[in-house]
Amino acid sequence: MAGKFINSTLCYIEKDGCYLMLYRNKKPDDPCEGKWVGVGGKFEPGEDRDTCLLREVREETGLVLTRFRFRGVVHFVSDTWPDEDMHLYTADGFDGKDCFRHMDNLPGGYERESGFNPERDPDNTVTDLQSESFDCDEGELCWIPKENVLKLNLWEGDKYFLQPLLEGQEKIEMTCRYEGHSCVEVHCN
């Protein structure tokens, strides 16, 4: 999309073999609605990538990162949305109250094929996720075992940087080109 450009951060916070994932289901007109993502967001004027990361994590989780690593940049090119440079991080140290639910097994509705469906959640797993924890205004936060992350309803292009991240690759540089919601080309730089 010509004329606009976004810089953003995305962080995968790690604990006990899990990533803290955000299920986007609260924000009106959210292009990410129904998707699982890491924690992050757009740079504010005058911010560098680390400052943006720390602010976004604090705003979305209530946690303060104490140890994090920059892993690379994923360039998103789209015919629908503004082009974006997403600065990718992992973190394994934080301060703050961690009350997020840990999900060893994905309940019905969390799989990639179906997305979230409250009717398929008879035990109120999703609606109760935040009952004793931080209330994120963008969605539900949950610790997901790393081996289950790629089973979630993710953006199509996310699996291309998540796979090497999960395999421990230190530096990730790639370009994902989207047409509408479809990732039509991925180029590793």
Protein backbone atom coordinates (compact mmCIF):
# COMPACT_ATOMS: atom_id res chain seq x y z
CA MET A 1 0.00 0.00 0.00
CA ALA A 2 1.77 3.13 -1.20
CA GLY A 3 2.34 6.16 0.98
CA LYS A 4 2.23 4.65 4.46
CA PHE A 5 4.83 2.72 6.43
CA ILE A 6 4.75 1.25 9.94
CA ASN A 7 7.51 0.23 12.35
CA SER A 8 6.41 -2.21 15.01
CA THR A 9 7.70 -4.69 17.58
CA LEU A 10 6.65 -8.26 18.29
CA CYS A 11 7.90 -10.22 21.28
CA TYR A 12 7.61 -13.86 22.26
CA ILE A 13 8.00 -13.98 26.03
CA GLU A 14 9.30 -17.38 27.16
CA LYS A 15 8.71 -19.31 30.39
CA ASP A 16 8.86 -23.03 31.18
CA GLY A 17 8.93 -24.09 27.52
CA CYS A 18 6.02 -21.82 26.58
CA TYR A 19 5.41 -18.55 24.77
CA LEU A 20 2.98 -15.97 26.10
CA MET A 21 0.50 -15.63 23.25
CA LEU A 22 -2.26 -13.07 22.72
CA TYR A 23 -5.56 -14.22 21.23
CA ARG A 24 -6.99 -11.11 19.54
CA ASN A 25 -10.71 -10.99 20.33
CA LYS A 26 -11.53 -7.67 22.03
CA LYS A 27 -10.57 -4.73 19.82
CA PRO A 28 -13.25 -3.38 17.44
CA ASP A 29 -12.41 -3.63 13.71
CA ASP A 30 -9.19 -5.50 14.49
CA PRO A 31 -7.52 -6.90 11.34
CA CYS A 32 -5.97 -9.52 13.67
CA GLU A 33 -9.30 -10.64 15.15
CA GLY A 34 -9.35 -14.39 15.72
CA LYS A 35 -5.57 -14.70 15.37
CA TRP A 36 -2.93 -15.61 17.95
CA VAL A 37 0.09 -13.28 18.01
CA GLY A 38 2.99 -12.40 20.24
CA VAL A 39 2.96 -9.17 22.24
CA GLY A 40 3.83 -5.86 20.63
CA GLY A 41 2.67 -2.95 18.56
CA LYS A 42 3.48 0.18 16.60
CA PHE A 43 6.23 2.65 17.38
CA GLU A 44 5.05 5.95 18.82
CA PRO A 45 6.70 9.17 17.59
CA GLY A 46 10.29 9.43 18.83
CA GLU A 47 10.51 5.82 20.05
CA ASP A 48 13.29 3.42 19.14
CA ARG A 49 12.57 -0.29 18.88
CA ASP A 50 13.60 -1.20 22.46
CA THR A 51 11.52 1.61 23.95
CA CYS A 52 8.51 0.54 21.88
CA LEU A 53 8.98 -3.08 22.95
CA LEU A 54 9.13 -2.27 26.66
CA ARG A 55 6.09 0.03 26.48
CA GLU A 56 3.98 -2.37 24.44
CA VAL A 57 4.76 -5.37 26.67
CA ARG A 58 3.93 -3.34 29.81
CA GLU A 59 0.68 -2.03 28.28
CA GLU A 60 -0.52 -5.41 26.97
CA THR A 61 0.63 -7.70 29.81
CA GLY A 62 1.44 -5.58 32.87
CA LEU A 63 4.92 -7.18 32.85
CA VAL A 64 8.23 -5.30 32.80
CA LEU A 65 10.88 -7.04 30.72
CA THR A 66 14.23 -7.50 32.44
CA ARG A 67 15.95 -9.65 29.80
CA PHE A 68 15.18 -9.61 26.09
CA ARG A 69 16.93 -10.17 22.75
CA PHE A 70 16.46 -8.57 19.37
CA ARG A 71 16.15 -11.38 16.81
CA GLY A 72 15.73 -9.53 13.51
CA VAL A 73 13.31 -7.76 11.22
CA VAL A 74 10.42 -9.16 9.23
CA HIS A 75 9.40 -6.90 6.36
CA PHE A 76 5.73 -7.09 5.43
CA VAL A 77 4.68 -5.84 2.01
CA SER A 78 0.95 -5.71 1.31
CA ASP A 79 -1.53 -4.62 -1.32
CA THR A 80 -4.11 -4.00 1.46
CA TRP A 81 -2.29 -2.61 4.51
CA PRO A 82 0.64 -0.25 4.96
CA ASP A 83 4.06 -1.85 4.53
CA GLU A 84 5.64 -2.70 7.86
CA ASP A 85 9.00 -3.49 9.43
CA MET A 86 8.32 -5.70 12.44
CA HIS A 87 11.22 -5.84 14.89
CA LEU A 88 11.21 -9.35 16.34
CA TYR A 89 12.23 -10.15 19.93
CA THR A 90 12.26 -12.93 22.46
CA ALA A 91 12.36 -12.36 26.21
CA ASP A 92 12.97 -14.69 29.12
CA GLY A 93 13.12 -12.31 32.07
CA PHE A 94 10.35 -10.16 33.48
CA ASP A 95 8.98 -8.61 36.65
CA GLY A 96 5.31 -8.34 37.50
CA LYS A 97 2.36 -10.54 38.33
CA ASP A 98 2.18 -13.58 36.06
CA CYS A 99 -1.37 -14.89 36.41
CA PHE A 100 -1.81 -16.03 32.83
CA ARG A 101 -3.25 -19.47 32.31
CA HIS A 102 -0.95 -22.22 31.10
CA MET A 103 -2.54 -24.44 28.46
CA ASP A 104 -0.89 -27.83 27.96
CA ASN A 105 -3.66 -29.01 25.68
CA LEU A 106 -5.47 -26.74 23.30
CA PRO A 107 -9.20 -26.70 24.00
CA GLY A 108 -11.68 -26.98 21.12
CA GLY A 109 -11.69 -23.80 19.11
CA TYR A 110 -7.99 -22.95 19.34
CA GLU A 111 -6.79 -24.96 16.38
CA ARG A 112 -5.58 -23.30 13.20
CA GLU A 113 -8.49 -24.64 11.14
CA SER A 114 -11.37 -23.30 13.17
CA GLY A 115 -10.23 -20.21 15.02
CA PHE A 116 -11.93 -19.33 18.32
CA ASN A 117 -15.52 -20.33 18.85
CA PRO A 118 -17.07 -19.72 22.32
CA GLU A 119 -19.64 -22.48 21.77
CA ARG A 120 -16.75 -24.97 21.53
CA ASP A 121 -15.43 -23.87 24.92
CA PRO A 122 -17.92 -25.43 27.38
CA ASP A 123 -15.54 -25.07 30.34
CA ASN A 124 -15.16 -21.31 29.74
CA THR A 125 -11.42 -21.76 29.27
CA VAL A 126 -11.08 -18.61 27.20
CA THR A 127 -13.56 -16.40 29.00
CA ASP A 128 -11.92 -17.26 32.33
CA LEU A 129 -8.34 -16.74 31.13
CA GLN A 130 -8.15 -13.22 32.49
CA SER A 131 -10.37 -13.61 35.57
CA GLU A 132 -7.46 -13.34 38.02
CA SER A 133 -4.89 -11.57 35.88
CA PHE A 134 -4.07 -8.52 33.86
CA ASP A 135 -6.91 -7.33 31.63
CA CYS A 136 -5.52 -6.78 28.14
CA ASP A 137 -7.85 -4.63 26.04
CA GLU A 138 -6.81 -6.42 22.82
CA GLY A 139 -7.49 -10.03 23.76
CA GLU A 140 -6.74 -13.00 25.99
CA LEU A 141 -3.20 -13.83 27.11
CA CYS A 142 -2.12 -17.42 27.65
CA TRP A 143 1.07 -19.46 28.03
CA ILE A 144 1.14 -21.92 25.13
CA PRO A 145 3.72 -24.76 24.99
CA LYS A 146 6.11 -24.06 22.14
CA GLU A 147 5.25 -27.37 20.47
CA ASN A 148 1.62 -26.17 20.15
CA VAL A 149 2.26 -22.64 18.88
CA LEU A 150 2.22 -23.57 15.18
CA LYS A 151 -1.14 -25.34 15.72
CA LEU A 152 -2.81 -22.04 16.62
CA ASN A 153 -4.77 -19.82 14.24
CA LEU A 154 -1.84 -17.62 13.17
CA TRP A 155 -1.29 -15.18 10.36
CA GLU A 156 -0.10 -17.27 7.43
CA GLY A 157 3.27 -15.49 7.26
CA ASP A 158 3.96 -15.83 10.99
CA LYS A 159 4.81 -19.52 10.68
CA TYR A 160 7.74 -18.58 8.41
CA PHE A 161 9.52 -16.64 11.16
CA LEU A 162 8.13 -18.65 14.10
CA GLN A 163 9.53 -21.97 12.83
CA PRO A 164 13.16 -20.79 12.82
CA LEU A 165 12.57 -18.91 16.08
CA LEU A 166 11.27 -22.10 17.71
CA GLU A 167 14.29 -23.97 16.33
CA GLY A 168 16.63 -21.49 18.08
CA GLN A 169 17.80 -19.52 15.06
CA GLU A 170 19.55 -16.41 16.38
CA LYS A 171 19.01 -13.98 13.50
CA ILE A 172 15.87 -13.80 11.38
CA GLU A 173 15.56 -11.52 8.35
CA MET A 174 12.79 -12.05 5.85
CA THR A 175 10.20 -10.39 3.66
CA CYS A 176 6.59 -11.60 3.53
CA ARG A 177 4.42 -10.31 0.71
CA TYR A 178 0.68 -10.37 1.22
CA GLU A 179 -2.21 -10.06 -1.19
CA GLY A 180 -5.22 -9.46 1.02
CA HIS A 181 -5.00 -11.99 3.89
CA SER A 182 -2.86 -14.44 1.91
CA CYS A 183 0.91 -14.62 2.18
CA VAL A 184 1.92 -15.14 -1.45
CA GLU A 185 5.71 -14.90 -1.20
CA VAL A 186 8.37 -15.27 1.48
CA HIS A 187 11.99 -14.33 0.89
CA CYS A 188 14.68 -14.97 3.51
CA ASN A 189 17.22 -12.15 3.36
